[in-house]
Amino acid sequence: MSAVLADFAVLTPVTDEDLVLAARAVRVHVPESWPHGLLCRSERVPYPCRLARWSRATLAAAGLTEEEMA
């Protein structure tokens, strides 16, 4: 079960395809405020979801800063 909940691996070097997917995931998997806390807008699970974590880690591995990701 722990393998199911583990984060996705960030492969290096980061390919152009990874960058495209990560950039899209950053835009889609954003926090949304609910009465019981922040949830991922796409998956309705506690934010940050696995894909949000993977996308930010992938963009960081490619050299982007937090300001550039925003």
C-alpha atoms as a PDB file:
ATOM      1  CA  MET A   1       0.000   0.000   0.000  1.00  0.00           C
ATOM      2  CA  SER A   2       2.851   2.403   0.725  1.00  0.00           C
ATOM      3  CA  ALA A   3       3.987   2.118  -2.912  1.00  0.00           C
ATOM      4  CA  VAL A   4       0.576   3.392  -4.001  1.00  0.00           C
ATOM      5  CA  LEU A   5       0.890   6.468  -1.787  1.00  0.00           C
ATOM      6  CA  ALA A   6       4.553   7.209  -2.561  1.00  0.00           C
ATOM      7  CA  ASP A   7       5.473  10.208  -4.674  1.00  0.00           C
ATOM      8  CA  PHE A   8       6.100   9.809  -8.376  1.00  0.00           C
ATOM      9  CA  ALA A   9       9.774   9.666  -9.296  1.00  0.00           C
ATOM     10  CA  VAL A  10      11.366  12.717 -10.872  1.00  0.00           C
ATOM     11  CA  LEU A  11      13.501  11.496 -13.734  1.00  0.00           C
ATOM     12  CA  THR A  12      16.622  13.448 -14.639  1.00  0.00           C
ATOM     13  CA  PRO A  13      17.523  14.846 -16.987  1.00  0.00           C
ATOM     14  CA  VAL A  14      14.090  16.395 -17.405  1.00  0.00           C
ATOM     15  CA  THR A  15      12.806  15.993 -20.958  1.00  0.00           C
ATOM     16  CA  ASP A  16      10.747  18.493 -22.930  1.00  0.00           C
ATOM     17  CA  GLU A  17       7.759  16.142 -22.631  1.00  0.00           C
ATOM     18  CA  ASP A  18       8.142  16.082 -18.830  1.00  0.00           C
ATOM     19  CA  LEU A  19       8.228  19.884 -18.784  1.00  0.00           C
ATOM     20  CA  VAL A  20       5.016  20.127 -20.816  1.00  0.00           C
ATOM     21  CA  LEU A  21       3.212  17.649 -18.552  1.00  0.00           C
ATOM     22  CA  ALA A  22       4.521  19.261 -15.373  1.00  0.00           C
ATOM     23  CA  ALA A  23       3.538  22.762 -16.517  1.00  0.00           C
ATOM     24  CA  ARG A  24       0.012  21.569 -17.251  1.00  0.00           C
ATOM     25  CA  ALA A  25      -0.234  19.748 -13.914  1.00  0.00           C
ATOM     26  CA  VAL A  26       0.853  22.897 -12.042  1.00  0.00           C
ATOM     27  CA  ARG A  27      -2.049  24.778 -13.646  1.00  0.00           C
ATOM     28  CA  VAL A  28      -4.650  22.024 -13.112  1.00  0.00           C
ATOM     29  CA  HIS A  29      -3.729  20.672  -9.671  1.00  0.00           C
ATOM     30  CA  VAL A  30      -4.097  23.841  -7.606  1.00  0.00           C
ATOM     31  CA  PRO A  31      -5.414  24.309  -4.069  1.00  0.00           C
ATOM     32  CA  GLU A  32      -9.054  25.124  -3.532  1.00  0.00           C
ATOM     33  CA  SER A  33     -10.426  26.235  -0.182  1.00  0.00           C
ATOM     34  CA  TRP A  34     -13.097  24.020   1.391  1.00  0.00           C
ATOM     35  CA  PRO A  35     -14.602  24.226   4.885  1.00  0.00           C
ATOM     36  CA  HIS A  36     -12.383  21.346   6.038  1.00  0.00           C
ATOM     37  CA  GLY A  37      -9.148  22.639   4.437  1.00  0.00           C
ATOM     38  CA  LEU A  38      -7.327  22.944   1.141  1.00  0.00           C
ATOM     39  CA  LEU A  39      -8.128  20.312  -1.475  1.00  0.00           C
ATOM     40  CA  CYS A  40      -6.714  19.735  -4.946  1.00  0.00           C
ATOM     41  CA  ARG A  41      -9.153  21.297  -7.404  1.00  0.00           C
ATOM     42  CA  SER A  42      -8.755  18.371  -9.793  1.00  0.00           C
ATOM     43  CA  GLU A  43      -8.700  15.358  -7.472  1.00  0.00           C
ATOM     44  CA  ARG A  44     -10.518  16.590  -4.335  1.00  0.00           C
ATOM     45  CA  VAL A  45      -7.812  15.152  -2.061  1.00  0.00           C
ATOM     46  CA  PRO A  46      -5.749  17.112   0.469  1.00  0.00           C
ATOM     47  CA  TYR A  47      -3.462  19.568  -1.310  1.00  0.00           C
ATOM     48  CA  PRO A  48      -0.767  19.071  -2.485  1.00  0.00           C
ATOM     49  CA  CYS A  49      -1.765  15.870  -4.267  1.00  0.00           C
ATOM     50  CA  ARG A  50       0.821  13.475  -5.720  1.00  0.00           C
ATOM     51  CA  LEU A  51       0.688  15.058  -9.167  1.00  0.00           C
ATOM     52  CA  ALA A  52       1.068  18.569  -7.762  1.00  0.00           C
ATOM     53  CA  ARG A  53       4.148  17.439  -5.813  1.00  0.00           C
ATOM     54  CA  TRP A  54       5.605  15.665  -8.869  1.00  0.00           C
ATOM     55  CA  SER A  55       5.028  18.621 -11.181  1.00  0.00           C
ATOM     56  CA  ARG A  56       6.678  21.123  -8.838  1.00  0.00           C
ATOM     57  CA  ALA A  57       9.615  18.771  -8.199  1.00  0.00           C
ATOM     58  CA  THR A  58      10.042  18.188 -11.940  1.00  0.00           C
ATOM     59  CA  LEU A  59      10.024  21.906 -12.718  1.00  0.00           C
ATOM     60  CA  ALA A  60      12.480  22.521  -9.864  1.00  0.00           C
ATOM     61  CA  ALA A  61      14.752  19.769 -11.246  1.00  0.00           C
ATOM     62  CA  ALA A  62      14.670  21.606 -14.579  1.00  0.00           C
ATOM     63  CA  GLY A  63      15.911  24.752 -12.830  1.00  0.00           C
ATOM     64  CA  LEU A  64      12.721  26.781 -12.453  1.00  0.00           C
ATOM     65  CA  THR A  65      12.201  28.822  -9.292  1.00  0.00           C
ATOM     66  CA  GLU A  66       8.974  29.053  -7.281  1.00  0.00           C
ATOM     67  CA  GLU A  67       8.323  32.500  -8.780  1.00  0.00           C
ATOM     68  CA  GLU A  68       8.662  31.115 -12.312  1.00  0.00           C
ATOM     69  CA  MET A  69       6.273  28.257 -11.483  1.00  0.00           C
ATOM     70  CA  ALA A  70       3.652  30.710 -10.274  1.00  0.00           C
END
